[in-house]
Amino acid sequence: MKFNVLQHRLVPEHRLLEDDEAQRVLAGLRITSDQLPKIKKTDPVIHVLEQIHGPIEEGRIIKITRISETAGISEAYRLVVGR
């Protein structure tokens, strides 16, 4: 990959959650994984995370942390789906 999108100043931090952490998040939100917003395996961020963690299967959860001067820190979660 020629460019690491995670190093761009406008791209928030993305982190792959471990299975046990993902289950705690879902329980805390009182939802199932299919109720989360989706992120495709073809997304450039997923390609970068796969270079770090190895292949990422469908059904894994990504945590996105955004920092804003007005809103502070916000966390969002995305479910990895196929093409």
N, C-alpha and C. Protein backbone atom coordinates (compact mmCIF):
# COMPACT_ATOMS: atom_id res chain seq x y z
N MET A 1 0.85 -1.16 0.00
CA MET A 1 0.00 0.00 0.00
C MET A 1 0.90 1.24 0.00
N LYS A 2 0.57 2.17 -0.85
CA LYS A 2 1.41 3.36 -0.99
C LYS A 2 1.18 4.38 0.12
N PHE A 3 -0.04 4.42 0.65
CA PHE A 3 -0.37 5.45 1.63
C PHE A 3 -1.15 4.83 2.78
N ASN A 4 -0.73 5.10 3.99
CA ASN A 4 -1.42 4.61 5.17
C ASN A 4 -2.49 5.64 5.54
N VAL A 5 -3.75 5.31 5.30
CA VAL A 5 -4.83 6.27 5.53
C VAL A 5 -4.97 6.61 7.01
N LEU A 6 -4.53 5.72 7.90
CA LEU A 6 -4.65 6.01 9.33
C LEU A 6 -3.71 7.12 9.78
N GLN A 7 -2.74 7.48 8.96
CA GLN A 7 -1.82 8.55 9.31
C GLN A 7 -2.31 9.91 8.83
N HIS A 8 -3.44 9.94 8.12
CA HIS A 8 -3.98 11.22 7.66
C HIS A 8 -4.65 11.93 8.82
N ARG A 9 -4.51 13.23 8.91
CA ARG A 9 -5.02 13.99 10.06
C ARG A 9 -6.54 13.99 10.16
N LEU A 10 -7.24 13.72 9.07
CA LEU A 10 -8.70 13.73 9.09
C LEU A 10 -9.32 12.36 9.36
N VAL A 11 -8.51 11.33 9.41
CA VAL A 11 -9.02 9.97 9.66
C VAL A 11 -8.90 9.68 11.15
N PRO A 12 -10.02 9.38 11.81
CA PRO A 12 -9.96 9.09 13.25
C PRO A 12 -9.27 7.76 13.52
N GLU A 13 -8.94 7.53 14.79
CA GLU A 13 -8.29 6.28 15.19
C GLU A 13 -9.26 5.11 15.01
N HIS A 14 -8.78 4.04 14.39
CA HIS A 14 -9.55 2.81 14.22
C HIS A 14 -8.80 1.70 14.94
N ARG A 15 -9.54 0.88 15.69
CA ARG A 15 -8.89 -0.21 16.41
C ARG A 15 -9.76 -1.45 16.33
N LEU A 16 -9.13 -2.57 16.03
CA LEU A 16 -9.83 -3.85 15.98
C LEU A 16 -10.03 -4.35 17.40
N LEU A 17 -11.29 -4.66 17.76
CA LEU A 17 -11.58 -5.15 19.10
C LEU A 17 -11.37 -6.66 19.18
N GLU A 18 -10.87 -7.11 20.32
CA GLU A 18 -10.80 -8.54 20.59
C GLU A 18 -12.22 -9.05 20.82
N ASP A 19 -12.44 -10.33 20.65
CA ASP A 19 -13.79 -10.90 20.75
C ASP A 19 -14.43 -10.65 22.11
N ASP A 20 -13.67 -10.82 23.20
CA ASP A 20 -14.26 -10.61 24.52
C ASP A 20 -14.61 -9.14 24.76
N GLU A 21 -13.77 -8.24 24.27
CA GLU A 21 -14.07 -6.81 24.40
C GLU A 21 -15.28 -6.43 23.57
N ALA A 22 -15.40 -7.01 22.38
CA ALA A 22 -16.55 -6.74 21.52
C ALA A 22 -17.85 -7.20 22.19
N GLN A 23 -17.81 -8.36 22.85
CA GLN A 23 -19.00 -8.85 23.54
C GLN A 23 -19.39 -7.94 24.70
N ARG A 24 -18.40 -7.40 25.41
CA ARG A 24 -18.70 -6.47 26.50
C ARG A 24 -19.33 -5.18 25.96
N VAL A 25 -18.82 -4.69 24.84
CA VAL A 25 -19.37 -3.48 24.23
C VAL A 25 -20.82 -3.71 23.81
N LEU A 26 -21.08 -4.84 23.14
CA LEU A 26 -22.44 -5.14 22.70
C LEU A 26 -23.39 -5.28 23.89
N ALA A 27 -22.92 -5.92 24.95
CA ALA A 27 -23.75 -6.07 26.14
C ALA A 27 -24.03 -4.71 26.78
N GLY A 28 -23.02 -3.86 26.82
CA GLY A 28 -23.19 -2.54 27.40
C GLY A 28 -24.15 -1.67 26.60
N LEU A 29 -24.15 -1.84 25.29
CA LEU A 29 -25.05 -1.08 24.42
C LEU A 29 -26.42 -1.75 24.29
N ARG A 30 -26.50 -2.99 24.77
CA ARG A 30 -27.73 -3.79 24.69
C ARG A 30 -28.23 -3.95 23.24
N ILE A 31 -27.28 -4.32 22.38
CA ILE A 31 -27.61 -4.56 20.98
C ILE A 31 -26.90 -5.83 20.52
N THR A 32 -27.26 -6.28 19.32
CA THR A 32 -26.54 -7.38 18.69
C THR A 32 -25.61 -6.79 17.64
N SER A 33 -24.64 -7.56 17.21
CA SER A 33 -23.64 -7.03 16.27
C SER A 33 -24.28 -6.59 14.95
N ASP A 34 -25.35 -7.27 14.51
CA ASP A 34 -25.95 -6.89 13.23
C ASP A 34 -26.69 -5.55 13.30
N GLN A 35 -26.85 -4.98 14.49
CA GLN A 35 -27.46 -3.66 14.63
C GLN A 35 -26.45 -2.52 14.53
N LEU A 36 -25.17 -2.86 14.48
CA LEU A 36 -24.13 -1.84 14.34
C LEU A 36 -24.06 -1.34 12.90
N PRO A 37 -23.60 -0.09 12.71
CA PRO A 37 -23.29 0.36 11.35
C PRO A 37 -22.21 -0.54 10.76
N LYS A 38 -22.15 -0.61 9.45
CA LYS A 38 -21.24 -1.53 8.78
C LYS A 38 -20.02 -0.81 8.20
N ILE A 39 -18.94 -1.57 8.05
CA ILE A 39 -17.76 -1.13 7.31
C ILE A 39 -17.34 -2.30 6.42
N LYS A 40 -17.13 -2.04 5.15
CA LYS A 40 -16.81 -3.11 4.21
C LYS A 40 -15.36 -3.54 4.32
N LYS A 41 -15.12 -4.82 4.02
CA LYS A 41 -13.76 -5.35 4.01
C LYS A 41 -12.90 -4.65 2.97
N THR A 42 -13.52 -4.00 1.99
CA THR A 42 -12.77 -3.31 0.95
C THR A 42 -12.38 -1.89 1.36
N ASP A 43 -12.80 -1.45 2.52
CA ASP A 43 -12.47 -0.10 3.00
C ASP A 43 -10.95 0.00 3.18
N PRO A 44 -10.34 1.11 2.77
CA PRO A 44 -8.89 1.26 2.92
C PRO A 44 -8.40 1.10 4.35
N VAL A 45 -9.18 1.51 5.32
CA VAL A 45 -8.78 1.36 6.72
C VAL A 45 -8.65 -0.12 7.08
N ILE A 46 -9.56 -0.94 6.59
CA ILE A 46 -9.50 -2.38 6.87
C ILE A 46 -8.23 -2.97 6.26
N HIS A 47 -7.85 -2.52 5.07
CA HIS A 47 -6.62 -3.02 4.45
C HIS A 47 -5.40 -2.70 5.32
N VAL A 48 -5.37 -1.51 5.89
CA VAL A 48 -4.24 -1.14 6.76
C VAL A 48 -4.27 -1.98 8.04
N LEU A 49 -5.44 -2.15 8.63
CA LEU A 49 -5.55 -2.96 9.85
C LEU A 49 -5.17 -4.42 9.59
N GLU A 50 -5.45 -4.92 8.39
CA GLU A 50 -5.06 -6.29 8.05
C GLU A 50 -3.55 -6.42 7.95
N GLN A 51 -2.87 -5.36 7.54
CA GLN A 51 -1.41 -5.41 7.50
C GLN A 51 -0.84 -5.48 8.92
N ILE A 52 -1.57 -4.93 9.88
CA ILE A 52 -1.12 -4.93 11.27
C ILE A 52 -1.50 -6.23 11.97
N HIS A 53 -2.78 -6.64 11.84
CA HIS A 53 -3.33 -7.76 12.61
C HIS A 53 -3.46 -9.06 11.82
N GLY A 54 -3.23 -9.03 10.53
CA GLY A 54 -3.49 -10.20 9.70
C GLY A 54 -4.91 -10.15 9.18
N PRO A 55 -5.37 -11.20 8.52
CA PRO A 55 -6.71 -11.19 7.93
C PRO A 55 -7.80 -10.89 8.97
N ILE A 56 -8.72 -10.03 8.59
CA ILE A 56 -9.84 -9.67 9.46
C ILE A 56 -11.10 -10.31 8.87
N GLU A 57 -11.73 -11.17 9.65
CA GLU A 57 -12.90 -11.88 9.18
C GLU A 57 -14.14 -10.99 9.30
N GLU A 58 -15.15 -11.34 8.49
CA GLU A 58 -16.44 -10.67 8.62
C GLU A 58 -16.98 -10.95 10.01
N GLY A 59 -17.69 -10.00 10.57
CA GLY A 59 -18.26 -10.17 11.90
C GLY A 59 -17.42 -9.56 13.01
N ARG A 60 -16.18 -9.16 12.70
CA ARG A 60 -15.35 -8.49 13.71
C ARG A 60 -15.83 -7.06 13.88
N ILE A 61 -15.47 -6.46 15.00
CA ILE A 61 -15.92 -5.10 15.31
C ILE A 61 -14.73 -4.16 15.40
N ILE A 62 -14.88 -3.00 14.78
CA ILE A 62 -13.87 -1.95 14.78
C ILE A 62 -14.36 -0.81 15.67
N LYS A 63 -13.49 -0.32 16.55
CA LYS A 63 -13.80 0.84 17.38
C LYS A 63 -13.17 2.07 16.75
N ILE A 64 -13.97 3.13 16.58
CA ILE A 64 -13.50 4.37 15.99
C ILE A 64 -13.58 5.45 17.06
N THR A 65 -12.47 6.10 17.34
CA THR A 65 -12.41 7.16 18.35
C THR A 65 -12.15 8.48 17.66
N ARG A 66 -13.10 9.39 17.79
CA ARG A 66 -12.98 10.72 17.18
C ARG A 66 -12.74 11.74 18.29
N ILE A 67 -11.85 12.68 18.01
CA ILE A 67 -11.57 13.76 18.96
C ILE A 67 -11.98 15.07 18.30
N SER A 68 -12.82 15.82 19.00
CA SER A 68 -13.35 17.07 18.48
C SER A 68 -13.19 18.16 19.52
N GLU A 69 -12.88 19.36 19.08
CA GLU A 69 -12.75 20.48 20.01
C GLU A 69 -14.09 20.80 20.67
N THR A 70 -15.18 20.63 19.95
CA THR A 70 -16.49 20.98 20.49
C THR A 70 -17.19 19.82 21.20
N ALA A 71 -17.02 18.61 20.69
CA ALA A 71 -17.74 17.47 21.25
C ALA A 71 -16.88 16.63 22.19
N GLY A 72 -15.59 16.88 22.21
CA GLY A 72 -14.71 16.06 23.03
C GLY A 72 -14.39 14.74 22.34
N ILE A 73 -14.39 13.66 23.10
CA ILE A 73 -14.08 12.34 22.55
C ILE A 73 -15.38 11.57 22.34
N SER A 74 -15.53 11.02 21.14
CA SER A 74 -16.69 10.16 20.88
C SER A 74 -16.21 8.84 20.31
N GLU A 75 -16.90 7.78 20.70
CA GLU A 75 -16.56 6.44 20.24
C GLU A 75 -17.70 5.89 19.42
N ALA A 76 -17.34 5.23 18.33
CA ALA A 76 -18.32 4.58 17.48
C ALA A 76 -17.80 3.19 17.16
N TYR A 77 -18.70 2.32 16.77
CA TYR A 77 -18.34 0.93 16.46
C TYR A 77 -18.89 0.57 15.10
N ARG A 78 -18.15 -0.25 14.35
CA ARG A 78 -18.57 -0.70 13.04
C ARG A 78 -18.37 -2.21 12.94
N LEU A 79 -19.30 -2.87 12.28
CA LEU A 79 -19.23 -4.31 12.02
C LEU A 79 -18.61 -4.52 10.66
N VAL A 80 -17.60 -5.36 10.58
CA VAL A 80 -16.94 -5.66 9.30
C VAL A 80 -17.83 -6.61 8.51
N VAL A 81 -18.17 -6.21 7.28
CA VAL A 81 -18.99 -7.03 6.40
C VAL A 81 -18.24 -7.26 5.08
N GLY A 82 -18.73 -8.23 4.31
CA GLY A 82 -18.12 -8.54 3.03
C GLY A 82 -18.38 -7.49 2.00
N ARG A 83 -18.04 -7.82 0.79
CA ARG A 83 -18.16 -6.87 -0.31
C ARG A 83 -19.60 -6.63 -0.58
